Amino acid sequence: MANVKFDRATFEKEIGKLDLKMQEKIALFGTPVESLDDETIEIEIFPNRPDLLGYHGFKRSFLSFLGKKTGFKNYKLNNPEKNYEVKVESSVKDVRPFTVCAIVRGLKFDDKKIKEIVEIQEKLHSTVGRQRKKLAIGIYPLEKIALPITYKAIEPDKIKFQPLEYPKEMSGLEILQRHPTGKEYAHLLAGKIKFPIFIDSEQSVLSMPPVINSEKTGRVTNKTKDIFVECSGFDFEILEKCLNILISNFAEMGGKVYSMKVGGKVTPNFKSEFRDLSLEKTNRILGLDLNEKQIKECLERMGYNYKNGKVEIPPWRMDILHEIDLIEDIAIAYGYENFIPKIPPVSTVGSENSKEIVKRKIAEIFSGLGFLEVSNYHLTKKEDQFVKMGIPEKEESEFIELESSKTDFNILRKDLVHYLLKNFSENSDSEYPQKLFEMGKVFQIKKSKELKEEERLSSGFTPGNFTDLVQTLDYLFSNLNLKYEIKEEVKSSLPFVEGRSGEIFLEGEKIGLIGEVHPKILKNWKIKMPVSLFEINLEKIFKKFE
């Protein structure tokens, strides 16, 4: 979540008096008031609405919610003029591969508006941009730039420019080592042979993203009327949405927006998206009986167009992924204060789930043995799941991959042991011995191509050997009053040392694997001490307690 501050006088002049009724309306819009004084109003913006992080974006949406200026807002996008181009060189491919750009002309800046664009820039950096890791934004006075512009990557010692808030010229490496902002974001370029830069046709450096702008070509002042705007990063779709948020704010300020030719594409892209909306499903989920006219009115108050079951979505909305997101906005427009809560007529007798009883007992057993419980993400990195575990690409079993992952975590985990190794790796300089266990779900694909979820238990310790871990298993199954056995494994599906691994059986049925991790795998994870691990299928154990 992010808090934003708006000028109170401007808010009351352009939106309405901030009395208790207005503050209640702001809260019902989904953006509660955090504080209010004579100068400013502070509002909390939830992560799903980055388009509200700037005053003008908030004003547009909130006035529509109030019913004053409803419906889909169109902004004119002018075609590129001569030299309105950003050439993208292949050198940025492995550094920061994408950029989207635009030009806005005819703006009238004052101190308040400059403060606003700086704040929305930084709020987008910290939220959508993940502290500039995913995207970085640059805004420049157009009169200081000689078009066209080139986006490329070069060796840091060849980069020379005067960074913002610094009295003299520096190299790319010097900026990371000595400039306060450079030191703060140096980790984002760590290990890179080349650094990305925007440079104009007269070879003046505009910026070195995602770190800092140039003092000479990257500072907007009260005299600035025309600006060049760029977003650079790793996900082209996210960059487009972010640019749309910025450009729509500048358009609300009275700016005239021009598109640019950027590496074979034209940006920004203000093309609308459309989604189907079911009237029956909307009423069923909300417990209402709205007709199509009422649905249309609600959607228009939230800034959409609606016709014949199709909703036109503004290009600056990043949060509309499914039909349910539209239904949520209908609920907001309808007014949560208008819903009548009802207790469902259900009569049940509560009892603890038998699976949870078993899991709690297992947790108590491991805690008594001095093990620390960890809880890792269901999502993981393909590199961690396969490459670091020594599994060749041709031997990778089927896995569930996210279609459009916005982070490095791009597949559902297939086991728990690789995450335990990750935990050991991240704590390799901590005190030993280290004893960890985790109970959680893993995800497989059935032969029918359906998703299969399994509850598993994995445990390991370092330094440790096969014999020590067998003693832990003995204690576990003894306390569960279950009999198990270990059979030597012919070929392990996990990266264990040959002759120091086995299969775990419960009443003749295989339920897991145990072994000492191979030194090559420990090297992949940069683990300094020997590690022993086991993983068992808890679903087979749960059945014994039903």
Protein backbone atom coordinates (compact mmCIF):
# COMPACT_ATOMS: atom_id res chain seq x y z
CA MET A 1 0.00 0.00 0.00
CA ALA A 2 1.06 3.58 -0.57
CA ASN A 3 -0.04 6.83 1.01
CA VAL A 4 -0.29 9.94 -1.14
CA LYS A 5 -0.67 13.57 -0.09
CA PHE A 6 -2.72 16.08 -2.07
CA ASP A 7 -2.97 19.82 -1.60
CA ARG A 8 -6.16 20.48 0.39
CA ALA A 9 -6.97 23.85 -1.21
CA THR A 10 -6.69 22.37 -4.72
CA PHE A 11 -8.77 19.34 -3.72
CA GLU A 12 -11.58 21.46 -2.29
CA LYS A 13 -11.55 23.83 -5.26
CA GLU A 14 -11.66 21.11 -7.94
CA ILE A 15 -13.47 18.22 -6.22
CA GLY A 16 -15.39 19.41 -3.17
CA LYS A 17 -15.26 20.49 0.45
CA LEU A 18 -13.56 17.96 2.71
CA ASP A 19 -16.32 17.66 5.30
CA LEU A 20 -17.20 14.38 7.03
CA LYS A 21 -19.56 13.37 4.23
CA MET A 22 -16.82 13.81 1.60
CA GLN A 23 -14.31 11.89 3.73
CA GLU A 24 -16.83 9.04 4.00
CA LYS A 25 -17.25 9.06 0.21
CA ILE A 26 -13.46 8.85 -0.24
CA ALA A 27 -13.37 5.82 2.08
CA LEU A 28 -16.25 4.12 0.23
CA PHE A 29 -14.29 4.61 -3.00
CA GLY A 30 -11.70 2.27 -1.47
CA THR A 31 -9.14 4.95 -0.60
CA PRO A 32 -9.52 5.78 3.11
CA VAL A 33 -8.35 9.14 4.47
CA GLU A 34 -5.29 8.64 6.66
CA SER A 35 -4.89 12.24 7.84
CA LEU A 36 -6.22 15.71 7.17
CA ASP A 37 -4.84 19.11 8.15
CA ASP A 38 -5.09 22.70 6.94
CA GLU A 39 -2.56 22.11 4.14
CA THR A 40 -2.90 18.53 2.92
CA ILE A 41 -5.06 15.45 2.76
CA GLU A 42 -3.33 12.07 3.00
CA ILE A 43 -5.06 9.12 1.32
CA GLU A 44 -4.20 5.42 1.32
CA ILE A 45 -4.03 3.85 -2.14
CA PHE A 46 -4.24 0.07 -2.40
CA PRO A 47 -1.71 -1.76 -4.65
CA ASN A 48 -4.34 -2.66 -7.26
CA ARG A 49 -4.93 1.00 -8.20
CA PRO A 50 -1.60 2.62 -9.17
CA ASP A 51 -3.57 4.88 -11.52
CA LEU A 52 -4.72 6.77 -8.39
CA LEU A 53 -1.20 7.59 -7.17
CA GLY A 54 -1.23 11.02 -8.84
CA TYR A 55 -3.65 13.82 -7.98
CA HIS A 56 -5.01 14.21 -11.51
CA GLY A 57 -5.56 10.46 -11.89
CA PHE A 58 -7.34 10.38 -8.54
CA LYS A 59 -9.45 13.43 -9.43
CA ARG A 60 -10.57 11.89 -12.74
CA SER A 61 -11.64 8.61 -11.11
CA PHE A 62 -13.18 10.10 -7.97
CA LEU A 63 -15.26 12.70 -9.82
CA SER A 64 -16.61 9.85 -11.94
CA PHE A 65 -17.41 7.85 -8.79
CA LEU A 66 -19.29 10.86 -7.41
CA GLY A 67 -21.35 10.94 -10.60
CA LYS A 68 -20.04 14.33 -11.75
CA LYS A 69 -18.02 13.26 -14.82
CA THR A 70 -18.90 9.64 -15.53
CA GLY A 71 -17.94 7.26 -18.29
CA PHE A 72 -14.88 6.34 -20.29
CA LYS A 73 -12.36 9.17 -20.68
CA ASN A 74 -10.74 9.47 -24.11
CA TYR A 75 -7.48 11.34 -24.66
CA LYS A 76 -6.29 12.38 -28.08
CA LEU A 77 -3.04 10.72 -29.09
CA ASN A 78 -1.21 12.65 -31.80
CA ASN A 79 0.96 10.90 -34.39
CA PRO A 80 4.76 11.15 -34.12
CA GLU A 81 6.30 14.27 -35.63
CA LYS A 82 9.69 14.38 -37.35
CA ASN A 83 12.46 12.81 -35.23
CA TYR A 84 9.99 11.74 -32.51
CA GLU A 85 11.89 8.47 -32.29
CA VAL A 86 13.83 6.36 -29.81
CA LYS A 87 16.25 3.91 -31.42
CA VAL A 88 16.68 0.78 -29.30
CA GLU A 89 19.99 -1.06 -29.73
CA SER A 90 20.42 -4.79 -29.12
CA SER A 91 23.04 -4.05 -26.46
CA VAL A 92 20.27 -3.49 -23.87
CA LYS A 93 18.85 -7.00 -24.33
CA ASP A 94 20.68 -8.51 -21.34
CA VAL A 95 20.61 -5.39 -19.18
CA ARG A 96 17.20 -3.71 -19.33
CA PRO A 97 15.60 -4.85 -22.59
CA PHE A 98 12.47 -2.71 -23.04
CA THR A 99 11.44 0.92 -23.09
CA VAL A 100 8.25 2.80 -23.94
CA CYS A 101 8.22 6.54 -24.57
CA ALA A 102 6.05 9.56 -25.32
CA ILE A 103 6.23 13.33 -25.71
CA VAL A 104 3.83 15.75 -24.02
CA ARG A 105 3.63 19.38 -25.08
CA GLY A 106 1.87 22.50 -23.87
CA LEU A 107 2.17 21.90 -20.13
CA LYS A 108 2.20 24.71 -17.58
CA PHE A 109 4.30 23.70 -14.62
CA ASP A 110 4.35 25.29 -11.19
CA ASP A 111 5.90 24.08 -7.94
CA LYS A 112 2.80 22.04 -7.03
CA LYS A 113 2.68 20.23 -10.37
CA ILE A 114 6.41 19.52 -10.34
CA LYS A 115 6.03 18.08 -6.84
CA GLU A 116 3.10 15.98 -8.08
CA ILE A 117 5.01 14.42 -11.00
CA VAL A 118 8.01 13.68 -8.76
CA GLU A 119 5.73 11.99 -6.22
CA ILE A 120 3.82 9.86 -8.74
CA GLN A 121 7.15 8.87 -10.31
CA GLU A 122 8.54 7.72 -6.97
CA LYS A 123 5.29 6.01 -5.91
CA LEU A 124 5.25 4.02 -9.16
CA HIS A 125 8.93 3.18 -8.62
CA SER A 126 8.27 1.81 -5.13
CA THR A 127 5.04 -0.08 -5.93
CA VAL A 128 4.74 -1.35 -9.51
CA GLY A 129 8.47 -0.90 -10.09
CA ARG A 130 9.52 -2.84 -6.97
CA GLN A 131 11.99 -0.12 -5.95
CA ARG A 132 13.03 0.37 -9.60
CA LYS A 133 13.92 -3.30 -10.08
CA LYS A 134 11.05 -3.96 -12.51
CA LEU A 135 10.75 -0.52 -14.07
CA ALA A 136 12.24 2.95 -13.91
CA ILE A 137 10.75 6.24 -15.10
CA GLY A 138 12.46 9.26 -16.60
CA ILE A 139 10.90 12.68 -17.30
CA TYR A 140 12.96 15.28 -19.20
CA PRO A 141 12.55 18.85 -20.52
CA LEU A 142 12.23 18.47 -24.30
CA GLU A 143 13.94 21.80 -25.03
CA LYS A 144 17.21 20.38 -23.63
CA ILE A 145 17.14 17.32 -25.92
CA ALA A 146 18.25 16.93 -29.55
CA LEU A 147 15.98 14.34 -31.16
CA PRO A 148 16.06 11.48 -32.07
CA ILE A 149 17.11 9.60 -28.94
CA THR A 150 19.00 6.31 -28.64
CA TYR A 151 18.57 3.72 -25.90
CA LYS A 152 21.66 1.52 -25.62
CA ALA A 153 24.10 -0.09 -23.20
CA ILE A 154 27.82 0.73 -23.02
CA GLU A 155 30.74 0.09 -20.70
CA PRO A 156 30.37 2.11 -17.47
CA ASP A 157 33.77 3.81 -17.82
CA LYS A 158 32.63 5.25 -21.17
CA ILE A 159 29.53 6.86 -19.63
CA LYS A 160 30.21 10.51 -18.76
CA PHE A 161 27.61 13.01 -17.53
CA GLN A 162 26.73 15.27 -14.60
CA PRO A 163 24.10 13.46 -12.48
CA LEU A 164 21.27 15.27 -10.71
CA GLU A 165 22.24 17.08 -7.50
CA TYR A 166 25.98 16.78 -8.19
CA PRO A 167 28.41 19.57 -9.12
CA LYS A 168 30.56 17.75 -11.68
CA GLU A 169 30.69 15.09 -14.38
CA MET A 170 31.12 11.44 -13.34
CA SER A 171 31.52 8.06 -15.02
CA GLY A 172 28.87 5.36 -14.71
CA LEU A 173 30.93 3.47 -12.15
CA GLU A 174 31.70 6.61 -10.13
CA ILE A 175 27.97 7.37 -9.89
CA LEU A 176 27.32 3.95 -8.32
CA GLN A 177 30.26 4.35 -5.94
CA ARG A 178 29.97 8.00 -4.86
CA HIS A 179 26.59 9.54 -5.67
CA PRO A 180 23.95 9.02 -2.89
CA THR A 181 21.28 7.86 -5.34
CA GLY A 182 23.84 5.80 -7.22
CA LYS A 183 24.85 3.96 -4.06
CA GLU A 184 21.20 3.33 -3.18
CA TYR A 185 20.44 1.62 -6.50
CA ALA A 186 23.88 0.21 -7.36
CA HIS A 187 22.67 -3.35 -6.69
CA LEU A 188 20.35 -3.12 -9.71
CA LEU A 189 23.34 -2.93 -12.05
CA ALA A 190 25.66 -5.19 -10.04
CA GLY A 191 27.51 -7.68 -12.22
CA LYS A 192 26.54 -5.96 -15.48
CA ILE A 193 29.33 -5.48 -18.02
CA LYS A 194 27.40 -2.65 -19.67
CA PHE A 195 25.03 -0.02 -18.24
CA PRO A 196 21.92 1.28 -20.08
CA ILE A 197 21.70 4.94 -21.09
CA PHE A 198 19.41 7.27 -23.00
CA ILE A 199 21.46 9.57 -25.23
CA ASP A 200 20.34 12.24 -27.72
CA SER A 201 21.56 12.92 -31.27
CA GLU A 202 24.22 15.34 -29.98
CA GLN A 203 25.62 12.61 -27.69
CA SER A 204 24.32 14.23 -24.50
CA VAL A 205 23.39 11.60 -21.91
CA LEU A 206 19.83 11.99 -20.63
CA SER A 207 19.99 9.33 -17.93
CA MET A 208 21.40 6.03 -16.75
CA PRO A 209 18.31 3.99 -15.82
CA PRO A 210 17.30 2.79 -13.32
CA VAL A 211 19.60 5.05 -11.31
CA ILE A 212 19.59 8.76 -12.16
CA ASN A 213 18.94 11.53 -14.69
CA SER A 214 21.41 14.07 -16.01
CA GLU A 215 21.50 17.48 -14.34
CA LYS A 216 21.70 19.19 -17.74
CA THR A 217 19.02 17.27 -19.66
CA GLY A 218 16.93 15.66 -16.92
CA ARG A 219 15.63 18.43 -14.65
CA VAL A 220 12.09 19.77 -15.12
CA THR A 221 11.54 23.39 -14.00
CA ASN A 222 8.72 25.98 -13.93
CA LYS A 223 9.86 27.10 -17.38
CA THR A 224 9.43 23.61 -18.90
CA LYS A 225 6.50 23.33 -21.28
CA ASP A 226 7.28 20.19 -23.29
CA ILE A 227 8.57 16.90 -21.86
CA PHE A 228 9.96 13.55 -22.99
CA VAL A 229 8.74 10.61 -20.88
CA GLU A 230 10.23 7.10 -20.81
CA CYS A 231 9.76 3.91 -18.83
CA SER A 232 12.40 1.18 -19.03
CA GLY A 233 12.37 -2.31 -17.58
CA PHE A 234 11.79 -6.01 -18.15
CA ASP A 235 8.06 -6.46 -18.89
CA PHE A 236 6.81 -4.60 -21.95
CA GLU A 237 3.13 -4.90 -20.98
CA ILE A 238 3.72 -3.46 -17.50
CA LEU A 239 5.79 -0.63 -18.99
CA GLU A 240 2.95 0.23 -21.39
CA LYS A 241 0.44 0.42 -18.54
CA CYS A 242 2.78 2.52 -16.42
CA LEU A 243 3.36 4.95 -19.30
CA ASN A 244 -0.41 5.19 -19.80
CA ILE A 245 -0.84 6.15 -16.14
CA LEU A 246 1.74 8.92 -16.48
CA ILE A 247 0.53 10.19 -19.85
CA SER A 248 -3.12 10.30 -18.77
CA ASN A 249 -2.07 12.40 -15.76
CA PHE A 250 -0.21 14.81 -18.03
CA ALA A 251 -3.23 14.95 -20.36
CA GLU A 252 -5.40 15.85 -17.35
CA MET A 253 -2.94 18.69 -16.68
CA GLY A 254 -3.73 20.05 -20.15
CA GLY A 255 -0.83 18.52 -22.06
CA LYS A 256 -0.97 17.48 -25.71
CA VAL A 257 0.25 13.87 -26.07
CA TYR A 258 2.40 12.68 -28.99
CA SER A 259 3.35 9.08 -29.67
CA MET A 260 6.90 8.05 -30.59
CA LYS A 261 8.53 5.39 -32.73
CA VAL A 262 10.34 3.14 -30.27
CA GLY A 263 12.40 0.22 -31.54
CA GLY A 264 9.99 -0.72 -34.31
CA LYS A 265 6.87 -0.09 -32.23
CA VAL A 266 4.78 3.01 -31.57
CA THR A 267 4.10 4.03 -27.97
CA PRO A 268 2.08 4.84 -25.96
CA ASN A 269 -0.68 2.36 -26.75
CA PHE A 270 -4.06 3.81 -25.77
CA LYS A 271 -6.01 0.96 -27.35
CA SER A 272 -8.88 -0.13 -25.11
CA GLU A 273 -9.34 -3.65 -23.78
CA PHE A 274 -12.76 -5.32 -23.67
CA ARG A 275 -14.11 -7.98 -21.31
CA ASP A 276 -17.39 -9.86 -21.23
CA LEU A 277 -19.61 -9.35 -18.20
CA SER A 278 -22.44 -11.69 -17.21
CA LEU A 279 -25.46 -9.98 -15.65
CA GLU A 280 -26.55 -13.24 -14.02
CA LYS A 281 -23.13 -13.89 -12.48
CA THR A 282 -22.83 -10.30 -11.24
CA ASN A 283 -26.15 -10.51 -9.40
CA ARG A 284 -25.40 -13.99 -8.05
CA ILE A 285 -22.05 -12.96 -6.58
CA LEU A 286 -23.28 -9.64 -5.17
CA GLY A 287 -26.64 -10.97 -3.97
CA LEU A 288 -28.45 -8.22 -5.86
CA ASP A 289 -31.05 -7.96 -8.61
CA LEU A 290 -29.59 -5.24 -10.83
CA ASN A 291 -30.88 -4.71 -14.34
CA GLU A 292 -28.66 -3.89 -17.31
CA LYS A 293 -29.29 -0.15 -17.01
CA GLN A 294 -28.16 -0.17 -13.37
CA ILE A 295 -25.07 -2.21 -14.28
CA LYS A 296 -24.24 0.34 -16.99
CA GLU A 297 -24.63 3.24 -14.54
CA CYS A 298 -22.38 1.56 -11.96
CA LEU A 299 -19.68 0.82 -14.53
CA GLU A 300 -19.78 4.35 -15.94
CA ARG A 301 -19.30 5.73 -12.43
CA MET A 302 -16.11 3.65 -12.26
CA GLY A 303 -14.83 5.04 -15.57
CA TYR A 304 -15.88 2.25 -17.96
CA ASN A 305 -18.04 2.04 -21.06
CA TYR A 306 -20.64 -0.74 -21.20
CA LYS A 307 -22.71 -2.04 -24.10
CA ASN A 308 -24.37 -5.39 -24.80
CA GLY A 309 -22.50 -7.33 -22.13
CA LYS A 310 -19.06 -5.94 -23.05
CA VAL A 311 -17.04 -3.59 -20.87
CA GLU A 312 -14.47 -1.18 -22.30
CA ILE A 313 -11.54 -0.85 -19.89
CA PRO A 314 -9.38 2.31 -19.66
CA PRO A 315 -5.80 1.68 -20.87
CA TRP A 316 -4.35 2.95 -17.56
CA ARG A 317 -6.12 0.32 -15.44
CA MET A 318 -3.60 -2.41 -14.52
CA ASP A 319 -5.86 -4.32 -12.15
CA ILE A 320 -8.63 -5.65 -14.40
CA LEU A 321 -7.53 -9.23 -15.02
CA HIS A 322 -10.81 -11.14 -14.71
CA GLU A 323 -14.56 -10.63 -14.77
CA ILE A 324 -14.59 -10.65 -10.97
CA ASP A 325 -12.54 -7.42 -10.94
CA LEU A 326 -15.33 -5.69 -12.85
CA ILE A 327 -17.91 -7.09 -10.43
CA GLU A 328 -15.89 -5.67 -7.53
CA ASP A 329 -16.00 -2.21 -9.12
CA ILE A 330 -19.77 -2.55 -9.60
CA ALA A 331 -20.05 -3.26 -5.87
CA ILE A 332 -18.00 -0.13 -5.08
CA ALA A 333 -20.18 2.02 -7.34
CA TYR A 334 -23.39 0.49 -5.93
CA GLY A 335 -22.11 1.35 -2.46
CA TYR A 336 -21.09 -1.10 0.23
CA GLU A 337 -23.27 0.90 2.62
CA ASN A 338 -26.29 -0.23 0.57
CA PHE A 339 -25.66 -3.95 1.02
CA ILE A 340 -27.80 -5.61 3.69
CA PRO A 341 -25.79 -8.23 5.61
CA LYS A 342 -27.50 -11.57 6.21
CA ILE A 343 -26.40 -14.56 8.26
CA PRO A 344 -26.82 -17.69 6.11
CA PRO A 345 -29.26 -20.29 7.54
CA VAL A 346 -26.67 -23.02 8.08
CA SER A 347 -26.54 -25.35 11.07
CA THR A 348 -23.24 -27.20 11.58
CA VAL A 349 -21.19 -28.76 14.33
CA GLY A 350 -17.57 -27.72 14.22
CA SER A 351 -14.63 -30.06 14.70
CA GLU A 352 -10.94 -29.92 13.89
CA ASN A 353 -9.92 -31.44 10.59
CA SER A 354 -8.10 -34.75 11.10
CA LYS A 355 -5.34 -33.63 8.70
CA GLU A 356 -4.68 -30.55 10.82
CA ILE A 357 -4.45 -32.72 13.95
CA VAL A 358 -1.76 -34.87 12.28
CA LYS A 359 0.13 -31.82 10.99
CA ARG A 360 0.10 -30.21 14.43
CA LYS A 361 1.44 -33.39 16.01
CA ILE A 362 4.23 -33.63 13.40
CA ALA A 363 5.15 -30.00 14.03
CA GLU A 364 5.33 -30.67 17.78
CA ILE A 365 7.58 -33.71 17.19
CA PHE A 366 10.03 -31.75 15.04
CA SER A 367 10.00 -28.77 17.38
CA GLY A 368 10.85 -31.13 20.23
CA LEU A 369 13.86 -32.34 18.21
CA GLY A 370 15.10 -28.76 17.79
CA PHE A 371 13.97 -28.26 14.19
CA LEU A 372 12.80 -24.88 12.96
CA GLU A 373 9.67 -24.79 10.78
CA VAL A 374 9.84 -22.79 7.55
CA SER A 375 7.06 -21.74 5.21
CA ASN A 376 8.11 -21.11 1.60
CA TYR A 377 6.18 -19.82 -1.40
CA HIS A 378 4.07 -22.08 -3.62
CA LEU A 379 5.68 -20.28 -6.55
CA THR A 380 9.33 -20.88 -7.31
CA LYS A 381 11.95 -20.18 -9.95
CA LYS A 382 12.48 -22.65 -12.78
CA GLU A 383 16.23 -22.25 -12.25
CA ASP A 384 15.91 -23.27 -8.57
CA GLN A 385 13.57 -26.19 -9.30
CA PHE A 386 15.67 -27.73 -12.07
CA VAL A 387 19.05 -26.13 -12.90
CA LYS A 388 20.39 -25.84 -9.35
CA MET A 389 19.09 -29.33 -8.59
CA GLY A 390 21.20 -30.75 -11.42
CA ILE A 391 18.26 -31.81 -13.58
CA PRO A 392 19.04 -31.51 -17.33
CA GLU A 393 16.45 -29.69 -19.42
CA LYS A 394 15.62 -32.85 -21.40
CA GLU A 395 14.81 -34.66 -18.13
CA GLU A 396 12.57 -31.95 -16.71
CA SER A 397 9.20 -33.43 -15.81
CA GLU A 398 6.02 -31.55 -16.57
CA PHE A 399 5.39 -28.46 -14.48
CA ILE A 400 2.85 -25.67 -14.21
CA GLU A 401 4.24 -22.39 -15.54
CA LEU A 402 2.63 -18.98 -15.15
CA GLU A 403 1.54 -17.60 -18.51
CA SER A 404 2.60 -13.98 -17.90
CA SER A 405 4.70 -13.95 -14.74
CA LYS A 406 5.54 -10.46 -13.51
CA THR A 407 8.36 -11.74 -11.27
CA ASP A 408 11.20 -14.29 -11.32
CA PHE A 409 8.88 -16.75 -9.56
CA ASN A 410 7.35 -18.35 -12.64
CA ILE A 411 6.36 -21.97 -11.86
CA LEU A 412 4.49 -23.87 -9.14
CA ARG A 413 6.85 -25.91 -6.98
CA LYS A 414 7.08 -29.66 -7.59
CA ASP A 415 8.81 -30.51 -4.31
CA LEU A 416 9.88 -29.00 -1.00
CA VAL A 417 13.52 -30.12 -0.86
CA HIS A 418 14.83 -27.51 -3.31
CA TYR A 419 13.34 -24.79 -1.11
CA LEU A 420 15.05 -26.26 1.98
CA LEU A 421 18.35 -26.13 0.09
CA LYS A 422 17.58 -22.51 -0.76
CA ASN A 423 16.96 -21.84 2.95
CA PHE A 424 20.28 -23.46 3.88
CA SER A 425 22.04 -21.49 1.13
CA GLU A 426 20.66 -18.18 2.37
CA ASN A 427 21.83 -18.98 5.90
CA SER A 428 25.21 -20.52 5.06
CA ASP A 429 27.02 -17.96 7.23
CA SER A 430 24.73 -18.50 10.24
CA GLU A 431 25.37 -20.66 13.28
CA TYR A 432 25.46 -24.46 12.89
CA PRO A 433 23.90 -27.00 13.17
CA GLN A 434 20.84 -25.92 11.18
CA LYS A 435 17.73 -28.11 11.33
CA LEU A 436 14.69 -27.24 9.22
CA PHE A 437 11.36 -28.78 8.27
CA GLU A 438 8.38 -27.72 6.15
CA MET A 439 4.87 -29.03 5.59
CA GLY A 440 3.18 -27.68 2.49
CA LYS A 441 1.62 -28.29 -0.88
CA VAL A 442 3.41 -29.27 -4.06
CA PHE A 443 1.86 -29.30 -7.51
CA GLN A 444 2.02 -31.99 -10.18
CA ILE A 445 0.33 -32.62 -13.54
CA LYS A 446 -1.70 -35.82 -13.82
CA LYS A 447 -1.72 -37.96 -16.96
CA SER A 448 -5.11 -36.40 -17.70
CA LYS A 449 -3.31 -33.01 -17.69
CA GLU A 450 -5.24 -31.95 -14.58
CA LEU A 451 -3.56 -30.21 -11.65
CA LYS A 452 -2.75 -32.45 -8.71
CA GLU A 453 -1.99 -31.02 -5.26
CA GLU A 454 -0.17 -33.02 -2.59
CA GLU A 455 0.59 -32.20 1.02
CA ARG A 456 4.18 -33.14 1.79
CA LEU A 457 6.68 -33.05 4.64
CA SER A 458 10.34 -32.31 4.03
CA SER A 459 13.11 -32.08 6.58
CA GLY A 460 16.85 -31.68 6.57
CA PHE A 461 19.83 -30.60 8.59
CA THR A 462 23.39 -29.48 8.09
CA PRO A 463 25.94 -30.72 8.87
CA GLY A 464 24.26 -34.10 8.75
CA ASN A 465 24.50 -37.60 7.34
CA PHE A 466 22.20 -40.38 6.25
CA THR A 467 22.33 -42.22 9.59
CA ASP A 468 21.39 -39.14 11.62
CA LEU A 469 18.39 -38.47 9.39
CA VAL A 470 17.19 -42.09 9.65
CA GLN A 471 17.13 -41.64 13.44
CA THR A 472 14.88 -38.60 12.96
CA LEU A 473 12.52 -40.67 10.79
CA ASP A 474 12.51 -43.45 13.41
CA TYR A 475 11.44 -40.98 16.08
CA LEU A 476 8.75 -39.44 13.85
CA PHE A 477 7.05 -42.70 12.87
CA SER A 478 7.40 -44.12 16.38
CA ASN A 479 5.47 -41.15 17.80
CA LEU A 480 2.84 -41.51 15.06
CA ASN A 481 2.51 -45.24 15.89
CA LEU A 482 3.25 -46.16 12.29
CA LYS A 483 5.70 -48.72 10.88
CA TYR A 484 7.91 -47.78 7.98
CA GLU A 485 10.97 -49.14 6.20
CA ILE A 486 13.76 -47.80 3.99
CA LYS A 487 14.90 -49.62 0.86
CA GLU A 488 18.07 -48.73 -0.99
CA GLU A 489 17.20 -46.67 -4.05
CA VAL A 490 18.51 -47.83 -7.42
CA LYS A 491 18.26 -44.45 -9.15
CA SER A 492 17.20 -41.37 -7.24
CA SER A 493 14.90 -38.75 -8.72
CA LEU A 494 16.54 -36.36 -6.27
CA PRO A 495 20.24 -35.38 -6.33
CA PHE A 496 21.51 -37.72 -3.61
CA VAL A 497 24.87 -39.43 -3.17
CA GLU A 498 24.85 -42.94 -4.65
CA GLY A 499 24.68 -45.54 -1.90
CA ARG A 500 23.59 -42.95 0.66
CA SER A 501 19.93 -42.68 -0.31
CA GLY A 502 16.77 -44.72 -0.09
CA GLU A 503 13.06 -44.99 -0.67
CA ILE A 504 10.66 -44.68 2.27
CA PHE A 505 7.79 -47.20 2.43
CA LEU A 506 4.70 -47.26 4.64
CA GLU A 507 3.02 -50.67 4.80
CA GLY A 508 4.50 -51.62 1.42
CA GLU A 509 3.59 -48.36 -0.32
CA LYS A 510 6.30 -45.89 -1.36
CA ILE A 511 5.74 -42.51 0.31
CA GLY A 512 9.07 -40.69 -0.03
CA LEU A 513 12.83 -40.40 -0.46
CA ILE A 514 15.78 -39.87 1.87
CA GLY A 515 19.46 -39.24 1.30
CA GLU A 516 22.61 -37.16 1.50
CA VAL A 517 22.74 -34.32 -1.03
CA HIS A 518 25.40 -34.69 -3.74
CA PRO A 519 28.40 -32.30 -3.44
CA LYS A 520 27.76 -30.93 -6.97
CA ILE A 521 24.30 -29.79 -5.89
CA LEU A 522 25.68 -28.25 -2.70
CA LYS A 523 28.12 -26.32 -4.89
CA ASN A 524 25.26 -25.07 -7.09
CA TRP A 525 23.58 -23.66 -3.99
CA LYS A 526 26.88 -22.42 -2.48
CA ILE A 527 26.27 -24.49 0.65
CA LYS A 528 29.44 -25.04 2.67
CA MET A 529 28.45 -28.05 4.81
CA PRO A 530 27.02 -31.53 4.03
CA VAL A 531 23.22 -31.73 3.98
CA SER A 532 20.84 -34.65 4.50
CA LEU A 533 17.19 -34.43 3.44
CA PHE A 534 14.01 -36.43 3.21
CA GLU A 535 10.60 -35.75 1.69
CA ILE A 536 7.45 -37.78 2.22
CA ASN A 537 3.89 -37.68 0.92
CA LEU A 538 1.66 -36.75 3.86
CA GLU A 539 -1.51 -37.72 1.98
CA LYS A 540 -0.60 -41.40 2.54
CA ILE A 541 -0.13 -40.76 6.26
CA PHE A 542 -3.38 -38.79 6.57
CA LYS A 543 -5.32 -41.85 5.34
CA LYS A 544 -4.07 -43.84 8.35
CA PHE A 545 -5.76 -41.37 10.71
CA GLU A 546 -9.12 -40.97 8.97
